[in-house]
Protein backbone atom coordinates (compact mmCIF):
# COMPACT_ATOMS: atom_id res chain seq x y z
CA UNK A 1 75.50 185.94 72.22
CA UNK A 2 78.94 187.10 72.68
CA UNK A 3 80.17 184.44 70.10
CA UNK A 4 78.05 184.38 68.13
CA UNK A 5 78.78 188.82 67.75
CA UNK A 6 82.68 187.87 67.45
CA UNK A 7 81.65 186.14 64.49
CA UNK A 8 79.55 188.10 62.89
CA UNK A 9 81.12 191.36 63.37
CA UNK A 10 84.51 190.82 62.34
CA UNK A 11 83.14 189.21 59.01
CA UNK A 12 80.87 191.64 58.73
CA UNK A 13 83.75 194.04 58.91
CA UNK A 14 86.27 192.56 55.81
CA UNK A 15 83.29 192.71 54.23
CA UNK A 16 82.63 196.73 54.47
CA UNK A 17 86.63 197.13 53.75
CA UNK A 18 86.29 194.75 50.51
CA UNK A 19 83.59 196.62 49.52
CA UNK A 20 84.54 200.21 49.28
CA UNK A 21 87.98 199.14 47.98
CA UNK A 22 85.67 197.80 45.35
CA UNK A 23 84.42 201.34 45.09
CA UNK A 24 87.10 202.84 45.08
CA UNK A 25 88.32 201.17 42.08
CA UNK A 26 85.25 201.67 40.52
CA UNK A 27 85.05 205.60 41.05
CA UNK A 28 88.56 205.77 40.15
CA UNK A 29 87.80 203.87 36.49
CA UNK A 30 84.87 205.95 35.98
CA UNK A 31 86.42 209.46 36.11
CA UNK A 32 88.46 207.87 33.79
CA UNK A 33 87.55 210.26 30.49
CA UNK A 34 86.97 206.55 28.85
CA UNK A 35 87.10 204.29 31.32
CA UNK A 36 86.81 200.27 30.24
CA UNK A 37 83.36 198.73 30.09
CA UNK A 38 84.63 195.13 30.84
CA UNK A 39 86.73 196.49 34.46
CA UNK A 40 83.32 198.59 34.94
CA UNK A 41 81.49 195.89 35.07
CA UNK A 42 83.76 192.73 36.64
CA UNK A 43 83.29 195.87 39.59
CA UNK A 44 80.22 195.69 40.24
CA UNK A 45 80.34 192.16 39.45
CA UNK A 46 82.41 192.01 42.41
CA UNK A 47 80.60 194.70 44.31
CA UNK A 48 77.10 192.69 43.87
CA UNK A 49 78.68 189.95 45.46
CA UNK A 50 80.24 191.29 48.58
CA UNK A 51 76.47 193.27 48.96
CA UNK A 52 74.90 188.83 48.91
CA UNK A 53 77.38 188.36 51.65
CA UNK A 54 76.68 190.61 54.41
CA UNK A 55 73.32 190.58 53.75
CA UNK A 56 73.74 186.34 54.11
CA UNK A 57 75.71 186.82 56.71
CA UNK A 58 73.20 189.62 58.27
CA UNK A 59 70.89 187.10 57.25
CA UNK A 60 72.78 184.19 59.45
CA UNK A 61 72.82 186.08 62.70
CA UNK A 62 69.60 186.70 62.41
CA UNK A 63 68.52 183.88 62.37
CA UNK A 64 70.83 182.54 65.23
CA UNK A 65 70.03 185.12 66.85
CA UNK A 66 66.29 183.91 66.57
CA UNK A 67 67.28 180.76 67.37
CA UNK A 68 68.04 181.87 71.59
CA UNK A 69 65.33 182.86 71.46
CA UNK A 70 61.83 182.04 73.33
CA UNK A 71 58.22 182.19 70.71
CA UNK A 72 56.63 184.56 72.50
CA UNK A 73 59.73 187.22 72.27
CA UNK A 74 60.27 185.80 68.53
CA UNK A 75 56.69 186.80 68.35
CA UNK A 76 58.21 190.13 69.84
CA UNK A 77 61.09 189.93 67.55
CA UNK A 78 58.30 190.07 64.21
CA UNK A 79 56.63 193.19 65.95
CA UNK A 80 59.57 194.75 66.09
CA UNK A 81 60.51 194.22 61.98
CA UNK A 82 57.36 195.09 61.06
CA UNK A 83 57.90 198.62 62.44
CA UNK A 84 61.46 198.16 61.42
CA UNK A 85 59.93 198.01 57.52
CA UNK A 86 57.23 200.53 58.33
CA UNK A 87 59.17 203.65 60.29
CA UNK A 88 60.35 205.69 56.89
CA UNK A 89 56.87 205.85 55.92
CA UNK A 90 55.68 206.76 59.15
CA UNK A 91 58.55 209.47 58.55
CA UNK A 92 56.73 210.35 54.99
CA UNK A 93 53.48 210.79 57.46
CA UNK A 94 54.60 212.91 59.96
CA UNK A 95 56.17 215.80 57.22
CA UNK A 96 52.95 215.95 55.09
CA UNK A 97 51.54 216.53 58.71
CA UNK A 98 48.98 212.86 57.97
CA UNK A 99 49.10 211.13 61.02
CA UNK A 100 49.40 213.11 65.06
CA UNK A 101 52.87 213.56 66.44
CA UNK A 102 54.06 211.52 69.24
CA UNK A 103 52.60 211.81 72.82
CA UNK A 104 54.85 214.51 74.44
CA UNK A 105 57.38 212.03 77.31
CA UNK A 106 57.73 215.44 78.91
CA UNK A 107 59.46 213.90 82.50
CA UNK A 108 60.27 217.66 83.50
CA UNK A 109 59.38 219.43 86.50
CA UNK A 110 57.29 222.78 85.73
């Protein structure tokens, strides 16, 4: 697992830095009075390609991580994945008081 992380984290960091640089170039270009549409398009495509590459790195990491797990652990991971996808919806339901608040887990002695 450690070896896997030492491969993935630097790759993601590099892609993040590259994306930030491209985004900075795009922001600068868009702040101009008459920006070059072709250059804007080129930078948008470049930024999109970097985002896709980062998504592939994350997917590869996820697949490799899942490869370490037992079948039971993989099923639990699926549950956590579904829960993480539902989390924004749950927040919205809570904000609208459509679901009760979570039970109190206070451990303080009275």
